[in-house]
N, C-alpha and C. Protein backbone atom coordinates (compact mmCIF):
# COMPACT_ATOMS: atom_id res chain seq x y z
N MET A 1 117.52 76.45 107.34
CA MET A 1 118.25 75.57 106.40
C MET A 1 119.74 76.17 106.10
N GLY A 2 119.74 77.22 106.04
CA GLY A 2 121.23 77.82 105.58
C GLY A 2 122.19 77.82 106.59
N ASP A 3 123.58 77.97 105.88
CA ASP A 3 124.69 77.70 107.10
C ASP A 3 125.19 79.29 107.14
N ILE A 4 124.85 80.06 106.26
CA ILE A 4 125.49 81.49 106.33
C ILE A 4 124.22 82.45 106.19
N LEU A 5 124.44 83.43 107.07
CA LEU A 5 123.35 84.53 107.17
C LEU A 5 124.34 85.85 106.64
N MET A 6 123.84 86.35 105.36
CA MET A 6 124.59 87.77 104.72
C MET A 6 123.63 88.56 105.32
N THR A 7 124.23 89.49 106.11
CA THR A 7 123.71 90.58 106.60
C THR A 7 124.40 91.99 106.91
N SER A 8 124.08 92.87 107.76
CA SER A 8 124.83 94.01 107.67
C SER A 8 124.60 94.67 108.95
N ALA A 9 125.35 95.75 109.28
CA ALA A 9 125.09 96.44 110.44
C ALA A 9 125.77 97.81 110.17
N ILE A 10 125.02 98.94 111.02
CA ILE A 10 125.61 100.17 110.98
C ILE A 10 126.69 100.39 111.79
N PHE A 11 127.65 101.20 111.31
CA PHE A 11 128.93 101.44 112.04
C PHE A 11 129.19 102.89 112.00
N LYS A 12 129.19 103.32 113.30
CA LYS A 12 129.59 104.95 113.43
C LYS A 12 130.82 104.98 113.47
N GLU A 13 131.27 106.10 112.41
CA GLU A 13 132.94 106.59 112.27
C GLU A 13 133.36 107.33 113.40
N ALA A 14 134.68 107.51 113.54
CA ALA A 14 134.97 108.38 114.55
C ALA A 14 134.56 110.02 114.28
N ASP A 15 134.41 110.28 112.91
CA ASP A 15 133.79 111.94 112.74
C ASP A 15 132.37 111.88 112.87
N GLY A 16 131.75 110.84 113.23
CA GLY A 16 130.16 111.04 113.50
C GLY A 16 129.30 110.51 112.20
N THR A 17 130.24 110.10 111.02
CA THR A 17 129.28 109.62 109.76
C THR A 17 129.08 108.00 110.02
N LYS A 18 127.92 107.88 109.36
CA LYS A 18 127.68 106.36 109.51
C LYS A 18 128.13 105.48 108.20
N SER A 19 128.54 104.18 108.67
CA SER A 19 128.70 103.42 107.40
C SER A 19 127.66 102.11 107.54
N VAL A 20 127.69 101.66 106.71
CA VAL A 20 127.11 100.06 106.69
C VAL A 20 127.77 99.10 106.08
N LEU A 21 128.17 98.05 107.22
CA LEU A 21 129.11 96.82 106.90
C LEU A 21 128.22 95.62 106.68
N HIS A 22 128.93 95.17 105.45
CA HIS A 22 128.19 94.05 105.19
C HIS A 22 129.19 92.57 105.41
N PHE A 23 128.55 91.62 105.90
CA PHE A 23 129.28 90.47 106.24
C PHE A 23 128.46 89.21 106.46
N GLY A 24 129.02 88.03 106.47
CA GLY A 24 128.60 86.74 106.51
C GLY A 24 128.63 86.42 107.75
N VAL A 25 127.67 85.37 108.62
CA VAL A 25 127.73 85.21 109.70
C VAL A 25 127.36 83.59 109.91
N PRO A 26 127.88 82.90 110.42
CA PRO A 26 127.76 81.40 110.54
C PRO A 26 126.56 80.95 111.45
N MET A 27 125.55 80.37 110.92
CA MET A 27 124.25 79.99 111.55
C MET A 27 124.27 79.29 112.73
N SER A 28 125.70 78.75 112.69
CA SER A 28 125.93 77.65 113.74
C SER A 28 126.50 78.41 115.17
N ALA A 29 126.80 79.86 114.97
CA ALA A 29 127.31 80.34 115.93
C ALA A 29 126.39 80.30 117.06
N PRO A 30 127.04 80.44 118.53
CA PRO A 30 125.95 80.32 119.49
C PRO A 30 125.49 81.69 119.84
N GLU A 31 126.10 83.00 119.14
CA GLU A 31 125.32 84.20 119.45
C GLU A 31 124.12 84.38 118.39
N ILE A 32 123.93 83.38 117.41
CA ILE A 32 122.53 83.41 116.81
C ILE A 32 121.46 82.69 117.24
N GLN A 33 120.49 83.54 117.37
CA GLN A 33 119.10 82.85 117.97
C GLN A 33 117.99 83.23 116.71
N ILE A 34 117.41 81.98 116.51
CA ILE A 34 116.23 81.93 115.49
C ILE A 34 114.82 82.20 116.08
N GLN A 35 114.38 83.07 115.75
CA GLN A 35 112.76 83.44 116.69
C GLN A 35 111.77 82.37 115.63
N ASP A 36 110.79 82.12 116.73
CA ASP A 36 109.24 81.39 115.92
C ASP A 36 108.50 82.50 115.82
N ASN A 37 108.57 83.62 114.85
CA ASN A 37 107.91 84.52 115.00
C ASN A 37 107.24 84.86 113.39
N TRP A 38 107.54 83.80 112.58
CA TRP A 38 107.03 83.99 111.00
C TRP A 38 105.66 83.53 111.22
N LYS A 39 104.72 84.19 111.62
CA LYS A 39 103.09 83.93 111.74
C LYS A 39 102.54 85.03 110.67
N THR A 40 102.33 84.93 109.60
CA THR A 40 102.15 85.83 108.51
C THR A 40 100.62 85.40 107.79
N LEU A 41 100.25 86.39 107.09
CA LEU A 41 99.03 86.10 106.43
C LEU A 41 99.40 85.24 104.86
N GLY A 42 100.51 85.55 104.50
CA GLY A 42 100.98 84.23 103.35
C GLY A 42 102.31 84.15 103.41
N MET A 43 102.57 83.39 102.44
CA MET A 43 103.84 83.00 102.32
C MET A 43 104.53 82.16 103.58
N ARG A 44 103.68 81.79 104.24
CA ARG A 44 103.99 80.74 105.55
C ARG A 44 105.47 79.82 105.48
N GLY A 45 105.31 79.15 104.27
CA GLY A 45 106.26 78.06 103.99
C GLY A 45 107.64 78.46 103.74
N THR A 46 107.94 79.87 103.50
CA THR A 46 109.22 80.19 103.58
C THR A 46 110.12 80.28 104.95
N GLY A 47 109.04 80.36 105.81
CA GLY A 47 109.74 80.15 107.25
C GLY A 47 110.89 81.24 107.66
N SER A 48 110.57 82.35 107.13
CA SER A 48 111.49 83.93 107.06
C SER A 48 111.36 84.33 108.39
N ASN A 49 111.97 83.64 109.60
CA ASN A 49 111.61 84.08 111.12
C ASN A 49 112.66 85.10 111.21
N ASP A 50 112.62 85.96 112.12
CA ASP A 50 113.67 86.97 112.53
C ASP A 50 114.78 86.17 113.24
N ILE A 51 115.91 86.84 112.76
CA ILE A 51 117.18 86.35 113.57
C ILE A 51 118.12 87.13 114.59
N ILE A 52 118.12 86.83 115.59
CA ILE A 52 118.74 87.61 116.84
C ILE A 52 120.34 87.22 116.67
N ILE A 53 120.76 88.54 116.63
CA ILE A 53 122.67 88.35 116.93
C ILE A 53 122.95 89.38 117.82
N LYS A 54 123.48 88.49 118.93
CA LYS A 54 123.82 89.17 120.00
C LYS A 54 125.29 89.00 120.54
N ASP A 55 126.07 90.03 120.76
CA ASP A 55 127.67 89.85 121.19
C ASP A 55 128.53 89.06 120.37
N LEU A 56 128.21 89.34 119.08
CA LEU A 56 129.21 88.33 117.79
C LEU A 56 130.21 89.62 117.63
N PHE A 57 131.30 88.69 117.61
CA PHE A 57 132.50 89.62 117.21
C PHE A 57 132.57 89.17 115.60
N VAL A 58 132.77 90.37 114.97
CA VAL A 58 133.03 90.20 113.41
C VAL A 58 134.34 91.06 113.04
N ALA A 59 135.34 89.98 112.34
CA ALA A 59 136.66 90.29 112.40
C ALA A 59 136.47 91.45 111.00
N ASP A 60 137.62 92.33 110.90
CA ASP A 60 137.93 93.08 109.81
C ASP A 60 137.83 92.07 108.43
N ALA A 61 138.58 90.96 108.64
CA ALA A 61 138.59 90.11 107.22
C ALA A 61 137.38 89.75 107.10
N ALA A 62 136.20 89.51 107.60
CA ALA A 62 135.22 88.80 107.56
C ALA A 62 134.11 89.97 106.98
N VAL A 63 134.53 91.24 106.79
CA VAL A 63 133.51 92.05 106.29
C VAL A 63 133.78 92.39 104.64
N ALA A 64 132.60 92.04 103.88
CA ALA A 64 133.08 92.08 102.41
C ALA A 64 133.16 93.34 101.97
N PHE A 65 132.25 94.42 102.18
CA PHE A 65 132.67 95.70 102.15
C PHE A 65 131.92 96.75 103.12
N SER A 66 132.09 97.80 102.79
CA SER A 66 131.29 98.85 103.58
C SER A 66 130.97 100.06 102.61
N ARG A 67 129.98 100.53 103.08
CA ARG A 67 129.30 101.81 102.06
C ARG A 67 128.67 102.93 102.92
N LYS A 68 128.53 104.03 102.69
CA LYS A 68 127.97 105.25 103.08
C LYS A 68 126.46 104.64 103.38
N ALA A 69 126.00 105.31 104.81
CA ALA A 69 124.76 104.66 104.96
C ALA A 69 123.63 105.65 104.39
N GLY A 70 122.51 104.93 104.04
CA GLY A 70 121.35 106.04 103.34
C GLY A 70 121.76 106.35 101.91
N GLU A 71 122.70 105.76 101.25
CA GLU A 71 122.88 105.77 99.78
C GLU A 71 122.87 104.59 99.02
N TRP A 72 122.42 104.59 97.70
CA TRP A 72 122.61 103.59 96.93
C TRP A 72 123.91 103.46 96.50
N HIS A 73 124.63 102.09 96.54
CA HIS A 73 125.91 101.52 96.35
C HIS A 73 125.85 100.96 95.10
N PRO A 74 126.84 100.87 94.06
CA PRO A 74 127.04 100.20 92.83
C PRO A 74 126.58 98.79 93.17
N VAL A 75 126.97 98.18 94.32
CA VAL A 75 126.46 96.79 94.38
C VAL A 75 125.11 96.67 94.40
N PHE A 76 124.26 97.61 94.81
CA PHE A 76 123.01 97.02 94.75
C PHE A 76 122.11 97.64 93.46
N HIS A 77 122.75 97.98 92.71
CA HIS A 77 122.44 98.51 91.18
C HIS A 77 122.27 96.98 90.56
N MET A 78 123.26 95.84 90.87
CA MET A 78 123.22 94.92 90.37
C MET A 78 122.46 93.82 91.22
N LEU A 79 122.34 93.72 92.72
CA LEU A 79 121.68 93.08 93.53
C LEU A 79 120.03 93.23 93.28
N SER A 80 119.65 94.57 93.32
CA SER A 80 118.23 94.78 93.21
C SER A 80 117.74 94.37 91.71
N THR A 81 118.57 94.60 90.72
CA THR A 81 118.33 94.16 89.41
C THR A 81 118.11 92.62 89.26
N ILE A 82 118.90 91.79 89.65
CA ILE A 82 118.93 90.46 89.69
C ILE A 82 117.96 89.71 90.53
N ALA A 83 118.12 90.22 91.97
CA ALA A 83 117.34 89.53 92.83
C ALA A 83 115.70 89.57 92.41
N PHE A 84 115.25 90.98 92.57
CA PHE A 84 113.92 91.20 92.22
C PHE A 84 113.19 90.58 91.16
N THR A 85 114.12 90.42 90.12
CA THR A 85 113.18 89.91 88.92
C THR A 85 113.22 88.38 89.31
N LEU A 86 114.06 87.69 90.14
CA LEU A 86 113.76 86.36 90.44
C LEU A 86 112.82 86.27 91.55
N VAL A 87 112.67 87.38 92.48
CA VAL A 87 111.27 87.26 93.13
C VAL A 87 110.11 87.14 92.73
N TYR A 88 110.13 88.26 91.71
CA TYR A 88 108.92 88.54 91.30
C TYR A 88 108.38 87.36 90.05
N SER A 89 109.11 86.50 89.78
CA SER A 89 108.78 85.36 88.98
C SER A 89 108.12 84.58 89.90
N VAL A 90 108.05 84.44 91.03
CA VAL A 90 107.23 83.81 91.73
C VAL A 90 106.00 84.17 91.94
N TYR A 91 105.45 85.48 92.13
CA TYR A 91 104.14 86.26 92.07
C TYR A 91 103.48 85.86 90.59
N VAL A 92 104.48 85.96 89.55
CA VAL A 92 103.94 85.64 88.19
C VAL A 92 103.47 84.03 88.26
N GLY A 93 104.03 83.23 88.98
CA GLY A 93 103.81 81.78 88.91
C GLY A 93 102.60 81.53 89.84
N ILE A 94 102.52 82.24 91.02
CA ILE A 94 101.11 82.17 91.68
C ILE A 94 99.82 82.66 90.69
N ALA A 95 100.22 83.84 90.16
CA ALA A 95 98.75 84.21 89.48
C ALA A 95 98.63 83.36 88.35
N GLN A 96 99.67 82.71 87.68
CA GLN A 96 99.32 81.60 86.65
C GLN A 96 98.66 80.47 87.06
N LYS A 97 99.05 79.77 88.38
CA LYS A 97 98.48 78.88 88.91
C LYS A 97 96.86 78.98 89.32
N ALA A 98 96.83 80.27 90.06
CA ALA A 98 95.44 80.65 90.16
C ALA A 98 94.66 80.85 88.80
N ARG A 99 94.95 81.29 88.10
CA ARG A 99 94.23 81.32 86.51
C ARG A 99 93.84 80.00 86.27
N ASN A 100 94.62 79.26 86.33
CA ASN A 100 94.68 77.57 85.90
C ASN A 100 93.37 76.63 86.48
N ILE A 101 93.49 77.16 87.93
CA ILE A 101 92.45 76.51 88.78
C ILE A 101 91.30 77.08 88.61
N ALA A 102 91.00 78.47 88.40
CA ALA A 102 89.81 78.99 88.28
C ALA A 102 89.13 78.71 86.80
N VAL A 103 89.91 78.78 85.75
CA VAL A 103 89.13 78.12 84.35
C VAL A 103 88.87 76.85 84.53
N GLU A 104 89.46 75.89 85.19
CA GLU A 104 89.04 74.24 85.20
C GLU A 104 87.72 74.34 86.04
N ILE A 105 87.57 75.11 87.14
CA ILE A 105 86.42 75.29 87.79
C ILE A 105 85.50 75.86 86.80
N ALA A 106 85.74 76.96 85.99
CA ALA A 106 84.66 77.89 85.40
C ALA A 106 84.08 76.96 84.15
N LYS A 107 85.11 76.20 83.63
CA LYS A 107 84.63 74.98 82.62
C LYS A 107 83.61 74.24 83.03
N LYS A 108 83.46 73.56 84.11
CA LYS A 108 82.35 72.61 84.65
C LYS A 108 81.11 73.20 84.89
N ARG A 109 80.87 74.58 84.69
CA ARG A 109 79.59 75.58 84.65
C ARG A 109 79.01 75.89 83.30
N PRO A 110 78.09 76.12 83.45
CA PRO A 110 77.27 76.77 82.03
C PRO A 110 78.31 78.35 81.92
N ILE A 111 78.66 78.57 81.01
CA ILE A 111 79.56 79.72 80.67
C ILE A 111 78.56 80.77 80.38
N ASN A 112 78.28 82.24 81.10
CA ASN A 112 77.65 83.20 80.62
C ASN A 112 78.15 84.30 80.69
N HIS A 113 77.49 85.47 80.36
CA HIS A 113 78.27 86.82 79.80
C HIS A 113 79.23 87.20 81.17
N TYR A 114 78.73 86.92 82.25
CA TYR A 114 79.41 87.09 83.50
C TYR A 114 80.78 86.68 83.58
N SER A 115 80.90 85.42 83.40
CA SER A 115 81.95 84.56 83.42
C SER A 115 82.72 84.98 82.33
N LEU A 116 82.24 85.07 81.12
CA LEU A 116 83.42 85.28 80.07
C LEU A 116 83.97 86.90 80.25
N ASP A 117 83.21 87.90 80.85
CA ASP A 117 83.84 89.12 81.41
C ASP A 117 84.84 88.83 82.47
N ILE A 118 84.69 88.28 83.64
CA ILE A 118 85.45 88.10 84.61
C ILE A 118 86.88 87.25 83.92
N ALA A 119 86.74 86.11 83.16
CA ALA A 119 87.70 85.46 82.61
C ALA A 119 88.62 86.36 81.59
N GLY A 120 88.18 86.97 81.01
CA GLY A 120 88.85 87.97 79.94
C GLY A 120 89.55 89.24 81.03
N ARG A 121 88.92 89.51 81.75
CA ARG A 121 89.95 90.72 82.57
C ARG A 121 91.11 89.80 83.17
N MET A 122 90.69 88.40 83.55
CA MET A 122 91.57 87.86 84.61
C MET A 122 92.88 87.50 83.44
N GLU A 123 92.70 86.96 82.22
CA GLU A 123 93.51 86.79 81.15
C GLU A 123 94.45 88.14 80.79
N THR A 124 93.84 89.18 80.69
CA THR A 124 94.56 90.40 80.80
C THR A 124 95.17 90.68 81.72
N SER A 125 94.95 90.50 82.83
CA SER A 125 95.76 91.14 84.15
C SER A 125 96.74 89.81 84.08
N LEU A 126 96.80 88.68 83.65
CA LEU A 126 98.04 87.82 83.69
C LEU A 126 98.92 88.40 82.59
N ARG A 127 98.25 88.59 81.76
CA ARG A 127 99.34 88.66 80.57
C ARG A 127 100.32 90.11 80.63
N ALA A 128 99.24 91.17 81.38
CA ALA A 128 100.15 92.23 81.76
C ALA A 128 101.03 91.93 82.88
N ALA A 129 100.95 90.89 83.62
CA ALA A 129 102.17 90.55 84.67
C ALA A 129 103.29 89.95 83.85
N GLN A 130 102.88 89.09 83.07
CA GLN A 130 103.80 88.49 82.23
C GLN A 130 104.60 89.22 81.30
N MET A 131 104.04 90.34 80.77
CA MET A 131 105.02 91.35 79.80
C MET A 131 105.64 91.96 80.71
N ALA A 132 104.98 92.52 81.94
CA ALA A 132 105.97 93.48 82.79
C ALA A 132 107.44 92.60 83.20
N HIS A 133 107.02 91.37 83.64
CA HIS A 133 108.21 90.73 84.06
C HIS A 133 109.07 90.14 83.00
N SER A 134 108.63 90.09 81.72
CA SER A 134 109.38 89.86 80.65
C SER A 134 110.23 91.29 80.50
N SER A 135 109.73 92.43 80.63
CA SER A 135 110.50 93.66 80.59
C SER A 135 111.52 93.62 81.53
N MET A 136 111.45 92.98 82.97
CA MET A 136 112.58 92.78 83.90
C MET A 136 113.54 92.03 83.22
N LEU A 137 113.21 91.08 82.92
CA LEU A 137 114.35 90.13 82.41
C LEU A 137 115.46 90.68 81.09
N ASP A 138 114.34 91.63 80.34
CA ASP A 138 114.94 92.48 79.64
C ASP A 138 116.06 93.42 79.77
N ALA A 139 115.72 93.97 81.20
CA ALA A 139 116.71 94.92 81.89
C ALA A 139 117.77 94.11 82.45
N VAL A 140 117.55 92.83 83.12
CA VAL A 140 118.88 92.09 83.61
C VAL A 140 119.69 91.72 82.36
N ASN A 141 119.15 91.26 81.50
CA ASN A 141 119.81 90.89 80.07
C ASN A 141 120.80 91.87 79.45
N LYS A 142 120.68 93.23 79.82
CA LYS A 142 121.76 94.16 79.26
C LYS A 142 122.97 94.15 80.00
N ASN A 143 123.05 93.57 81.16
CA ASN A 143 124.05 93.27 81.99
C ASN A 143 124.97 94.69 81.90
N THR A 144 123.99 95.97 82.45
CA THR A 144 124.68 97.13 82.69
C THR A 144 123.91 98.00 83.60
N PRO A 145 124.26 97.01 84.94
CA PRO A 145 123.79 97.51 86.34
C PRO A 145 123.92 99.16 86.38
N SER A 146 122.84 99.99 86.60
CA SER A 146 122.68 101.45 86.73
C SER A 146 121.46 102.16 87.09
N GLU A 147 121.58 103.06 87.27
CA GLU A 147 120.16 103.72 88.06
C GLU A 147 118.87 103.39 86.96
N ILE A 148 119.34 103.77 85.64
CA ILE A 148 118.57 103.57 84.59
C ILE A 148 117.80 102.15 84.54
N ILE A 149 118.42 101.31 84.97
CA ILE A 149 118.32 99.58 84.97
C ILE A 149 117.34 99.27 86.38
N VAL A 150 117.98 100.06 87.39
CA VAL A 150 117.23 99.91 88.35
C VAL A 150 115.87 100.39 88.15
N ASN A 151 115.56 101.56 87.60
CA ASN A 151 114.25 102.28 87.56
C ASN A 151 113.23 101.25 86.57
N ASP A 152 113.99 100.47 85.62
CA ASP A 152 113.15 99.81 84.70
C ASP A 152 112.75 98.51 85.56
N VAL A 153 113.75 97.91 86.14
CA VAL A 153 113.32 96.82 86.85
C VAL A 153 112.13 97.10 88.10
N MET A 154 112.27 97.78 88.81
CA MET A 154 111.54 98.80 89.50
C MET A 154 110.01 99.05 89.17
N ILE A 155 110.09 99.89 87.92
CA ILE A 155 108.90 99.75 87.43
C ILE A 155 107.86 98.37 86.93
N GLY A 156 108.80 97.51 86.57
CA GLY A 156 108.41 95.98 86.00
C GLY A 156 108.02 95.37 87.50
N ARG A 157 108.63 95.80 88.36
CA ARG A 157 108.22 95.13 89.86
C ARG A 157 106.89 95.42 90.37
N THR A 158 106.43 96.83 90.14
CA THR A 158 105.28 97.44 90.41
C THR A 158 104.07 96.87 89.65
N LEU A 159 104.31 96.90 88.28
CA LEU A 159 103.36 96.35 87.30
C LEU A 159 103.13 94.65 87.47
N VAL A 160 104.07 94.15 87.71
CA VAL A 160 104.14 92.73 88.19
C VAL A 160 103.02 92.41 89.11
N GLY A 161 103.54 93.11 90.34
CA GLY A 161 102.47 92.84 91.52
C GLY A 161 101.25 93.39 91.17
N GLN A 162 100.91 94.42 90.88
CA GLN A 162 99.69 95.00 90.53
C GLN A 162 98.75 94.01 90.11
N ASN A 163 99.12 93.35 88.82
CA ASN A 163 98.38 92.44 87.67
C ASN A 163 98.40 91.26 88.29
N ALA A 164 99.55 90.59 89.01
CA ALA A 164 99.48 89.49 89.65
C ALA A 164 98.33 89.30 90.74
N ILE A 165 98.43 90.58 91.67
CA ILE A 165 97.27 90.41 92.69
C ILE A 165 95.79 90.74 92.04
N LYS A 166 95.82 91.36 91.19
CA LYS A 166 94.59 91.42 90.29
C LYS A 166 94.20 90.29 89.77
N THR A 167 94.83 89.25 89.30
CA THR A 167 94.71 88.21 88.43
C THR A 167 94.14 87.13 89.30
N VAL A 168 94.77 86.98 90.48
CA VAL A 168 94.26 86.10 91.94
C VAL A 168 92.96 86.56 92.12
N GLU A 169 92.89 87.95 92.36
CA GLU A 169 91.47 88.16 92.75
C GLU A 169 90.36 88.09 91.77
N LEU A 170 90.62 88.39 90.54
CA LEU A 170 89.67 87.84 89.53
C LEU A 170 89.46 85.99 89.43
N ALA A 171 90.44 85.66 89.62
CA ALA A 171 90.42 84.22 89.82
C ALA A 171 89.68 83.66 90.85
N MET A 172 89.72 84.23 92.27
CA MET A 172 88.57 83.83 93.13
C MET A 172 87.38 84.17 92.81
N GLU A 173 86.86 85.30 92.05
CA GLU A 173 85.66 85.69 91.69
C GLU A 173 85.15 85.04 90.56
N LEU A 174 85.83 84.41 89.52
CA LEU A 174 85.72 83.53 88.59
C LEU A 174 85.19 82.26 89.06
N ALA A 175 85.86 81.50 89.94
CA ALA A 175 85.48 80.23 90.67
C ALA A 175 84.40 80.49 91.56
N GLY A 176 84.17 81.42 92.22
CA GLY A 176 82.93 81.59 92.83
C GLY A 176 83.27 81.09 94.38
N GLY A 177 81.97 81.07 95.22
CA GLY A 177 82.33 80.34 96.07
C GLY A 177 83.06 79.23 96.82
N VAL A 178 83.27 78.12 95.62
CA VAL A 178 84.01 77.13 95.81
C VAL A 178 85.48 77.41 96.28
N GLY A 179 85.93 78.86 95.66
CA GLY A 179 87.03 79.21 95.75
C GLY A 179 87.35 79.76 97.25
N PHE A 180 86.59 79.84 97.92
CA PHE A 180 86.74 80.00 99.18
C PHE A 180 87.38 78.96 100.01
N TYR A 181 86.91 78.03 99.68
CA TYR A 181 87.34 76.64 100.15
C TYR A 181 88.85 76.31 100.30
N ARG A 182 89.53 75.78 101.03
CA ARG A 182 91.02 75.52 101.28
C ARG A 182 91.30 74.54 100.19
N ASP A 183 90.46 73.46 99.93
CA ASP A 183 90.77 72.26 99.13
C ASP A 183 90.96 72.83 97.72
N THR A 184 90.33 74.01 97.38
CA THR A 184 90.32 74.13 95.91
C THR A 184 91.67 74.59 95.52
N GLY A 185 92.51 75.21 96.55
CA GLY A 185 93.75 75.82 96.28
C GLY A 185 93.93 77.11 96.14
N LEU A 186 92.94 78.26 96.13
CA LEU A 186 92.74 79.26 95.66
C LEU A 186 93.03 80.14 96.83
N GLU A 187 92.58 79.57 98.12
CA GLU A 187 92.78 80.41 99.19
C GLU A 187 94.26 80.63 99.38
N ILE A 188 95.17 79.65 99.11
CA ILE A 188 96.59 80.03 99.85
C ILE A 188 97.28 80.77 98.81
N LEU A 189 96.82 80.75 97.45
CA LEU A 189 97.23 81.48 96.55
C LEU A 189 97.01 83.08 96.75
N PHE A 190 95.60 83.19 97.15
CA PHE A 190 95.21 84.62 97.41
C PHE A 190 95.90 85.16 98.60
N ARG A 191 96.25 84.32 99.72
CA ARG A 191 97.04 84.77 100.84
C ARG A 191 98.51 85.23 100.29
N ASP A 192 98.91 84.28 99.45
CA ASP A 192 100.28 84.50 99.03
C ASP A 192 101.03 85.48 98.28
N ILE A 193 99.76 85.71 97.41
CA ILE A 193 99.88 86.74 96.54
C ILE A 193 100.28 88.56 97.04
N GLN A 194 99.49 88.39 98.47
CA GLN A 194 99.56 89.59 98.80
C GLN A 194 100.91 90.17 99.26
N ALA A 195 101.81 89.35 99.29
CA ALA A 195 103.53 89.60 99.72
C ALA A 195 103.84 90.55 98.65
N ALA A 196 103.55 90.16 97.56
CA ALA A 196 104.02 91.28 96.29
C ALA A 196 103.90 92.78 96.58
N LYS A 197 103.26 93.12 97.69
CA LYS A 197 102.87 94.37 97.86
C LYS A 197 104.52 95.05 98.59
N TYR A 198 104.98 94.01 99.40
CA TYR A 198 105.87 94.47 100.72
C TYR A 198 107.78 94.58 100.07
N HIS A 199 107.72 94.02 98.97
CA HIS A 199 109.29 94.19 98.69
C HIS A 199 109.70 95.40 98.18
N PRO A 200 111.02 95.66 98.37
CA PRO A 200 111.37 96.92 98.03
C PRO A 200 111.46 96.92 96.53
N LEU A 201 111.61 98.27 95.75
CA LEU A 201 111.01 99.51 96.13
C LEU A 201 109.41 99.40 96.18
N GLN A 202 108.78 99.56 97.83
CA GLN A 202 107.51 99.73 97.35
C GLN A 202 106.92 100.92 96.86
N ALA A 203 105.68 100.80 96.86
CA ALA A 203 104.91 101.52 95.67
C ALA A 203 105.07 103.15 95.81
N GLY A 204 105.70 103.80 97.13
CA GLY A 204 105.64 105.20 97.16
C GLY A 204 107.18 105.45 96.85
N SER A 205 108.05 104.69 97.44
CA SER A 205 109.57 104.85 96.84
C SER A 205 109.91 104.55 95.45
N GLN A 206 108.98 103.23 94.73
CA GLN A 206 109.31 103.33 93.46
C GLN A 206 108.68 104.36 92.57
N ALA A 207 107.52 105.29 93.15
CA ALA A 207 106.83 106.00 92.34
C ALA A 207 107.97 107.45 92.30
N HIS A 208 108.39 107.41 93.59
CA HIS A 208 109.36 108.79 93.73
C HIS A 208 110.74 108.24 92.90
N TYR A 209 111.30 107.23 92.91
CA TYR A 209 112.34 106.92 92.16
C TYR A 209 112.09 107.24 90.75
N ALA A 210 110.95 106.69 89.92
CA ALA A 210 110.76 106.95 88.65
C ALA A 210 110.43 108.29 88.49
N GLY A 211 109.70 109.09 89.29
CA GLY A 211 109.57 110.46 89.06
C GLY A 211 110.98 111.36 89.07
N ALA A 212 111.69 111.00 90.04
CA ALA A 212 113.13 111.77 90.23
C ALA A 212 114.05 111.45 88.58
N MET A 213 114.11 110.09 88.35
CA MET A 213 114.48 109.77 87.19
C MET A 213 113.96 110.69 85.89
N ALA A 214 112.73 110.74 85.97
CA ALA A 214 111.87 111.50 84.75
C ALA A 214 112.38 113.05 84.75
N LEU A 215 112.38 113.42 85.84
CA LEU A 215 112.58 114.89 86.08
C LEU A 215 113.99 115.31 86.21
N GLY A 216 114.78 114.24 86.22
CA GLY A 216 116.43 114.59 85.94
C GLY A 216 116.92 115.07 87.64
N GLN A 217 116.30 114.33 88.66
CA GLN A 217 116.72 114.35 89.57
C GLN A 217 117.50 113.36 90.38
N SER A 218 118.22 113.39 91.61
CA SER A 218 118.97 112.49 92.07
C SER A 218 118.18 111.30 92.72
N VAL A 219 118.57 110.16 92.59
CA VAL A 219 117.74 108.87 93.19
C VAL A 219 118.74 108.26 94.11
N LYS A 220 119.72 109.06 94.49
CA LYS A 220 120.70 108.15 95.54
C LYS A 220 120.14 107.86 96.81
N ASN A 221 119.11 108.81 97.22
CA ASN A 221 118.86 108.61 98.57
C ASN A 221 117.29 107.84 98.95
N ILE A 222 116.95 107.38 97.34
CA ILE A 222 115.29 106.95 97.48
C ILE A 222 115.57 105.55 97.64
N TYR A 223 114.98 105.02 98.72
CA TYR A 223 114.85 103.38 98.84
C TYR A 223 113.40 102.77 98.98
């Protein structure tokens, strides 16, 4: 649906060092091909197909900026802080919807100590996800992009993901067998929430970043 693809490419300098060039590409260009390969477990509605760019000329004037390959650039302190706070609001929303569906189903049945336990753990996980996302928003609102803010946001990103996934898992359990049916609406939420695992910084890199910050080590090469 977009008109412009914002992308990047690695450029090898004369001295052998590598730079990353960032530029926009018109989606109407004949050198652009959209692949029909977004065949995924969840988030199918985003239509995030691969895009092939072949033999496209990019003028120097079209390059927004360049950076050294393999290192954080100040631009990414801003982008990672704002973008992933927005992205993970989606997963909080998925968890909230799953919780609401499961509660409505559970209320139609006799309440016992098992359902109370599951519902209580679900509420706790959802609240943890919401609080973690609030911490991401607090970091953004400081308006001071830096390694420290990136660390705060990425810790929040991990906590949101873990607790949102747990919330939906518990919602499925609370709903019982009916949750396995598509018509209930939980099945698609269960699939969609799995995507929370795959955005940067993924679990290993995020832990290394946080560990490096705690121990006073450089984070410029941790992605």
